[in-house]
N, C-alpha and C. Protein backbone atom coordinates (compact mmCIF):
# COMPACT_ATOMS: atom_id res chain seq x y z
N UNK A 1 -162.64 -100.34 62.76
CA UNK A 1 -162.65 -101.06 64.02
C UNK A 1 -161.31 -100.91 64.73
N UNK A 2 -161.41 -100.72 66.00
CA UNK A 2 -160.20 -100.59 66.80
C UNK A 2 -159.81 -101.97 67.35
N UNK A 3 -158.50 -102.24 67.40
CA UNK A 3 -158.08 -103.53 67.95
C UNK A 3 -158.29 -103.57 69.46
N UNK A 4 -158.50 -104.75 69.94
CA UNK A 4 -158.70 -104.96 71.37
C UNK A 4 -157.36 -104.75 72.09
N UNK A 5 -157.27 -103.84 73.07
CA UNK A 5 -155.98 -103.58 73.73
C UNK A 5 -155.44 -104.78 74.50
N UNK A 6 -156.32 -105.67 74.94
CA UNK A 6 -155.84 -106.84 75.67
C UNK A 6 -155.10 -107.81 74.76
N UNK A 7 -155.40 -107.79 73.50
CA UNK A 7 -154.75 -108.71 72.57
C UNK A 7 -153.41 -108.17 72.09
N UNK A 8 -153.17 -106.88 72.24
CA UNK A 8 -151.92 -106.30 71.79
C UNK A 8 -150.77 -106.62 72.74
N UNK A 9 -151.05 -106.73 74.00
CA UNK A 9 -150.01 -107.01 75.00
C UNK A 9 -150.06 -108.50 75.33
N UNK A 10 -149.00 -109.22 74.97
CA UNK A 10 -149.02 -110.65 75.29
C UNK A 10 -148.95 -110.88 76.80
N UNK A 11 -149.70 -111.82 77.25
CA UNK A 11 -149.72 -112.13 78.68
C UNK A 11 -148.75 -113.26 78.98
N UNK A 12 -148.14 -113.13 80.14
CA UNK A 12 -147.27 -114.22 80.59
C UNK A 12 -148.14 -115.35 81.10
N UNK A 13 -147.77 -116.56 80.78
CA UNK A 13 -148.57 -117.68 81.31
C UNK A 13 -148.43 -117.75 82.82
N UNK A 14 -149.52 -118.08 83.47
CA UNK A 14 -149.51 -118.16 84.92
C UNK A 14 -148.87 -119.46 85.37
N UNK A 15 -148.12 -119.37 86.43
CA UNK A 15 -147.55 -120.58 87.03
C UNK A 15 -148.51 -121.08 88.08
N UNK A 16 -148.74 -122.35 88.06
CA UNK A 16 -149.60 -122.94 89.06
C UNK A 16 -148.75 -123.34 90.25
N UNK A 17 -149.07 -122.86 91.44
CA UNK A 17 -148.21 -123.14 92.61
C UNK A 17 -148.16 -124.61 92.97
N UNK A 18 -149.21 -125.36 92.70
CA UNK A 18 -149.20 -126.78 93.04
C UNK A 18 -148.23 -127.53 92.12
N UNK A 19 -148.24 -127.19 90.82
CA UNK A 19 -147.32 -127.84 89.90
C UNK A 19 -145.87 -127.46 90.22
N UNK A 20 -145.65 -126.21 90.60
CA UNK A 20 -144.30 -125.78 90.98
C UNK A 20 -143.83 -126.53 92.22
N UNK A 21 -144.72 -126.70 93.19
CA UNK A 21 -144.35 -127.44 94.40
C UNK A 21 -144.08 -128.91 94.10
N UNK A 22 -144.86 -129.49 93.21
CA UNK A 22 -144.63 -130.90 92.83
C UNK A 22 -143.30 -131.06 92.09
N UNK A 23 -142.99 -130.14 91.19
CA UNK A 23 -141.71 -130.20 90.48
C UNK A 23 -140.55 -130.02 91.44
N UNK A 24 -140.71 -129.11 92.38
CA UNK A 24 -139.66 -128.87 93.38
C UNK A 24 -139.47 -130.11 94.25
N UNK A 25 -140.57 -130.70 94.69
CA UNK A 25 -140.49 -131.90 95.53
C UNK A 25 -139.87 -133.06 94.77
N UNK A 26 -140.24 -133.23 93.52
CA UNK A 26 -139.67 -134.30 92.71
C UNK A 26 -138.17 -134.14 92.51
N UNK A 27 -137.72 -132.91 92.26
CA UNK A 27 -136.29 -132.70 92.09
C UNK A 27 -135.54 -132.92 93.40
N UNK A 28 -136.16 -132.58 94.51
CA UNK A 28 -135.52 -132.80 95.81
C UNK A 28 -135.39 -134.30 96.10
N UNK A 29 -136.42 -135.06 95.79
CA UNK A 29 -136.36 -136.52 96.02
C UNK A 29 -135.26 -137.15 95.18
N UNK A 30 -135.19 -136.77 93.92
CA UNK A 30 -134.13 -137.30 93.05
C UNK A 30 -132.76 -136.86 93.57
N UNK A 31 -132.65 -135.62 94.01
CA UNK A 31 -131.38 -135.13 94.54
C UNK A 31 -130.94 -135.88 95.79
N UNK A 32 -131.89 -136.22 96.65
CA UNK A 32 -131.55 -137.00 97.85
C UNK A 32 -130.99 -138.36 97.47
N UNK A 33 -131.61 -139.02 96.51
CA UNK A 33 -131.11 -140.33 96.08
C UNK A 33 -129.73 -140.22 95.43
N UNK A 34 -129.50 -139.16 94.67
CA UNK A 34 -128.19 -138.97 94.04
C UNK A 34 -127.12 -138.75 95.10
N UNK A 35 -127.41 -137.89 96.08
CA UNK A 35 -126.43 -137.60 97.14
C UNK A 35 -126.14 -138.86 97.96
N UNK A 36 -127.18 -139.57 98.35
CA UNK A 36 -126.96 -140.78 99.15
C UNK A 36 -126.17 -141.84 98.39
N UNK A 37 -126.49 -142.03 97.12
CA UNK A 37 -125.76 -143.04 96.35
C UNK A 37 -124.31 -142.64 96.16
N UNK A 38 -124.05 -141.36 95.94
CA UNK A 38 -122.66 -140.91 95.81
C UNK A 38 -121.89 -141.07 97.11
N UNK A 39 -122.53 -140.77 98.25
CA UNK A 39 -121.86 -140.93 99.54
C UNK A 39 -121.59 -142.40 99.87
N UNK A 40 -122.53 -143.26 99.54
CA UNK A 40 -122.31 -144.70 99.77
C UNK A 40 -121.17 -145.19 98.90
N UNK A 41 -121.14 -144.77 97.65
CA UNK A 41 -120.06 -145.21 96.77
C UNK A 41 -118.71 -144.63 97.19
N UNK A 42 -118.71 -143.41 97.72
CA UNK A 42 -117.46 -142.86 98.26
C UNK A 42 -116.96 -143.71 99.42
N UNK A 43 -117.86 -144.11 100.27
CA UNK A 43 -117.49 -144.96 101.41
C UNK A 43 -116.94 -146.30 100.94
N UNK A 44 -117.62 -146.90 99.97
CA UNK A 44 -117.16 -148.19 99.46
C UNK A 44 -115.81 -148.07 98.77
N UNK A 45 -115.60 -146.99 98.06
CA UNK A 45 -114.31 -146.77 97.41
C UNK A 45 -113.21 -146.59 98.45
N UNK A 46 -113.52 -145.90 99.55
CA UNK A 46 -112.51 -145.65 100.57
C UNK A 46 -112.09 -146.93 101.29
N UNK A 47 -113.02 -147.87 101.48
CA UNK A 47 -112.65 -149.10 102.17
C UNK A 47 -112.13 -150.16 101.22
N UNK A 48 -112.15 -149.87 99.92
CA UNK A 48 -111.56 -150.78 98.96
C UNK A 48 -112.52 -151.78 98.34
N UNK A 49 -113.78 -151.66 98.60
CA UNK A 49 -114.76 -152.60 98.06
C UNK A 49 -115.12 -152.18 96.63
N UNK A 50 -114.89 -153.07 95.68
CA UNK A 50 -115.29 -152.82 94.31
C UNK A 50 -114.24 -152.22 93.41
N UNK A 51 -113.08 -151.86 93.94
CA UNK A 51 -112.05 -151.32 93.05
C UNK A 51 -111.08 -152.44 92.70
N UNK A 52 -110.29 -152.25 91.65
CA UNK A 52 -109.33 -153.28 91.26
C UNK A 52 -108.30 -153.55 92.37
N UNK A 53 -107.83 -154.78 92.41
CA UNK A 53 -106.85 -155.13 93.44
C UNK A 53 -105.54 -154.40 93.23
N UNK A 54 -104.82 -154.24 94.30
CA UNK A 54 -103.50 -153.61 94.30
C UNK A 54 -103.53 -152.20 93.72
N UNK A 55 -104.61 -151.51 93.92
CA UNK A 55 -104.67 -150.11 93.50
C UNK A 55 -105.13 -149.29 94.70
N UNK A 56 -104.75 -148.05 94.68
CA UNK A 56 -105.18 -147.14 95.74
C UNK A 56 -106.50 -146.49 95.37
N UNK A 57 -106.82 -145.49 96.14
CA UNK A 57 -108.04 -144.74 95.86
C UNK A 57 -107.85 -143.98 94.55
N UNK A 58 -108.83 -144.08 93.67
CA UNK A 58 -108.75 -143.43 92.35
C UNK A 58 -109.25 -141.99 92.47
N UNK A 59 -108.34 -141.01 92.31
CA UNK A 59 -108.74 -139.61 92.52
C UNK A 59 -109.75 -139.11 91.49
N UNK A 60 -109.68 -139.57 90.26
CA UNK A 60 -110.64 -139.14 89.25
C UNK A 60 -112.05 -139.61 89.58
N UNK A 61 -112.14 -140.84 90.07
CA UNK A 61 -113.43 -141.40 90.43
C UNK A 61 -114.01 -140.71 91.66
N UNK A 62 -113.13 -140.43 92.63
CA UNK A 62 -113.56 -139.72 93.84
C UNK A 62 -114.06 -138.32 93.49
N UNK A 63 -113.34 -137.62 92.62
CA UNK A 63 -113.77 -136.27 92.26
C UNK A 63 -115.09 -136.29 91.50
N UNK A 64 -115.31 -137.31 90.66
CA UNK A 64 -116.60 -137.42 89.96
C UNK A 64 -117.74 -137.66 90.95
N UNK A 65 -117.49 -138.46 91.97
CA UNK A 65 -118.52 -138.71 92.98
C UNK A 65 -118.81 -137.47 93.82
N UNK A 66 -117.78 -136.70 94.13
CA UNK A 66 -117.98 -135.46 94.89
C UNK A 66 -118.77 -134.45 94.05
N UNK A 67 -118.45 -134.36 92.76
CA UNK A 67 -119.20 -133.47 91.87
C UNK A 67 -120.65 -133.92 91.77
N UNK A 68 -120.88 -135.23 91.69
CA UNK A 68 -122.25 -135.75 91.64
C UNK A 68 -123.02 -135.45 92.90
N UNK A 69 -122.38 -135.60 94.06
CA UNK A 69 -123.05 -135.30 95.32
C UNK A 69 -123.35 -133.81 95.44
N UNK A 70 -122.44 -132.97 94.97
CA UNK A 70 -122.68 -131.53 94.98
C UNK A 70 -123.83 -131.16 94.05
N UNK A 71 -123.86 -131.77 92.89
CA UNK A 71 -124.95 -131.49 91.94
C UNK A 71 -126.29 -131.97 92.49
N UNK A 72 -126.26 -133.03 93.28
CA UNK A 72 -127.50 -133.52 93.89
C UNK A 72 -128.10 -132.56 94.90
N UNK A 73 -127.31 -131.61 95.37
CA UNK A 73 -127.82 -130.58 96.28
C UNK A 73 -128.09 -129.28 95.52
N UNK A 74 -127.19 -128.90 94.63
CA UNK A 74 -127.29 -127.61 93.96
C UNK A 74 -128.43 -127.57 92.94
N UNK A 75 -128.59 -128.63 92.16
CA UNK A 75 -129.62 -128.62 91.12
C UNK A 75 -131.04 -128.54 91.69
N UNK A 76 -131.42 -129.36 92.69
CA UNK A 76 -132.76 -129.18 93.25
C UNK A 76 -132.98 -127.81 93.90
N UNK A 77 -131.95 -127.27 94.52
CA UNK A 77 -132.08 -125.93 95.11
C UNK A 77 -132.32 -124.90 94.02
N UNK A 78 -131.61 -125.01 92.91
CA UNK A 78 -131.82 -124.09 91.80
C UNK A 78 -133.19 -124.23 91.16
N UNK A 79 -133.66 -125.47 91.03
CA UNK A 79 -135.00 -125.70 90.48
C UNK A 79 -136.05 -125.07 91.38
N UNK A 80 -135.91 -125.26 92.68
CA UNK A 80 -136.88 -124.68 93.61
C UNK A 80 -136.82 -123.15 93.61
N UNK A 81 -135.63 -122.59 93.50
CA UNK A 81 -135.52 -121.14 93.43
C UNK A 81 -136.17 -120.59 92.16
N UNK A 82 -136.04 -121.32 91.06
CA UNK A 82 -136.62 -120.86 89.79
C UNK A 82 -138.14 -120.98 89.78
N UNK A 83 -138.67 -121.97 90.45
CA UNK A 83 -140.10 -122.23 90.37
C UNK A 83 -140.92 -121.56 91.47
N UNK A 84 -140.36 -121.44 92.65
CA UNK A 84 -141.13 -120.91 93.78
C UNK A 84 -141.06 -119.40 93.82
N UNK A 85 -142.06 -118.81 94.44
CA UNK A 85 -142.13 -117.35 94.55
C UNK A 85 -142.11 -116.93 96.01
N UNK A 86 -141.73 -115.68 96.23
CA UNK A 86 -141.85 -115.05 97.54
C UNK A 86 -141.04 -115.70 98.64
N UNK A 87 -141.67 -115.87 99.78
CA UNK A 87 -140.96 -116.37 100.95
C UNK A 87 -140.62 -117.85 100.82
N UNK A 88 -141.23 -118.53 99.88
CA UNK A 88 -140.89 -119.94 99.69
C UNK A 88 -139.48 -120.12 99.16
N UNK A 89 -138.95 -119.09 98.51
CA UNK A 89 -137.56 -119.15 98.05
C UNK A 89 -136.60 -119.24 99.22
N UNK A 90 -136.91 -118.55 100.29
CA UNK A 90 -136.07 -118.62 101.49
C UNK A 90 -136.06 -120.04 102.04
N UNK A 91 -137.20 -120.69 102.00
CA UNK A 91 -137.28 -122.08 102.45
C UNK A 91 -136.38 -122.96 101.59
N UNK A 92 -136.36 -122.73 100.28
CA UNK A 92 -135.50 -123.52 99.39
C UNK A 92 -134.03 -123.29 99.70
N UNK A 93 -133.64 -122.05 99.98
CA UNK A 93 -132.24 -121.75 100.30
C UNK A 93 -131.84 -122.40 101.62
N UNK A 94 -132.69 -122.31 102.62
CA UNK A 94 -132.40 -122.91 103.92
C UNK A 94 -132.33 -124.43 103.79
N UNK A 95 -133.23 -125.02 103.01
CA UNK A 95 -133.21 -126.47 102.82
C UNK A 95 -131.94 -126.91 102.08
N UNK A 96 -131.52 -126.13 101.10
CA UNK A 96 -130.28 -126.44 100.40
C UNK A 96 -129.07 -126.36 101.31
N UNK A 97 -129.03 -125.33 102.15
CA UNK A 97 -127.92 -125.20 103.11
C UNK A 97 -127.94 -126.35 104.12
N UNK A 98 -129.14 -126.73 104.56
CA UNK A 98 -129.23 -127.86 105.50
C UNK A 98 -128.78 -129.16 104.84
N UNK A 99 -129.10 -129.33 103.56
CA UNK A 99 -128.67 -130.53 102.85
C UNK A 99 -127.15 -130.58 102.74
N UNK A 100 -126.53 -129.44 102.51
CA UNK A 100 -125.06 -129.40 102.45
C UNK A 100 -124.47 -129.77 103.81
N UNK A 101 -125.03 -129.24 104.87
CA UNK A 101 -124.52 -129.54 106.22
C UNK A 101 -124.68 -131.02 106.53
N UNK A 102 -125.82 -131.60 106.20
CA UNK A 102 -126.05 -133.02 106.48
C UNK A 102 -125.11 -133.88 105.64
N UNK A 103 -124.93 -133.54 104.37
CA UNK A 103 -124.04 -134.34 103.52
C UNK A 103 -122.60 -134.27 104.01
N UNK A 104 -122.16 -133.09 104.40
CA UNK A 104 -120.79 -132.96 104.91
C UNK A 104 -120.62 -133.70 106.23
N UNK A 105 -121.63 -133.64 107.09
CA UNK A 105 -121.52 -134.35 108.37
C UNK A 105 -121.55 -135.86 108.16
N UNK A 106 -122.34 -136.35 107.22
CA UNK A 106 -122.33 -137.78 106.93
C UNK A 106 -121.00 -138.21 106.34
N UNK A 107 -120.46 -137.40 105.46
CA UNK A 107 -119.18 -137.72 104.85
C UNK A 107 -118.06 -137.66 105.86
N UNK A 108 -118.13 -136.68 106.77
CA UNK A 108 -117.08 -136.53 107.77
C UNK A 108 -117.20 -137.52 108.92
N UNK A 109 -118.42 -138.00 109.18
CA UNK A 109 -118.62 -138.90 110.30
C UNK A 109 -118.21 -140.33 109.96
N UNK A 110 -118.08 -140.62 108.66
CA UNK A 110 -117.69 -141.98 108.27
C UNK A 110 -116.26 -142.23 108.72
N UNK A 111 -116.05 -143.36 109.34
CA UNK A 111 -114.70 -143.70 109.81
C UNK A 111 -113.96 -144.40 108.69
N UNK A 112 -112.93 -143.76 108.23
CA UNK A 112 -112.15 -144.32 107.12
C UNK A 112 -111.18 -145.29 107.70
């Protein structure tokens, strides 16, 4: 008996586009909440709300918040790039760039 040629070559599992879109959307929603919370906390730190008295702005804390806000944009963009195919990847890149522009404009528009 000859072996079945279809069984000799392992097949890659198919990705379902609806599940990929749901995972991408979920990561974007979480990323938006992470970015907004980091920006709000940056604002509160800058005006002195919630930090110890007689202290200045804590640079380590500020840098951790900036890294968190950056990760809130970069990680969902990477997830969408990994999961989506074809022209939808361009949409993920443009959305990531737009998120960076909006975050920087919100951060820059705050009056310190």
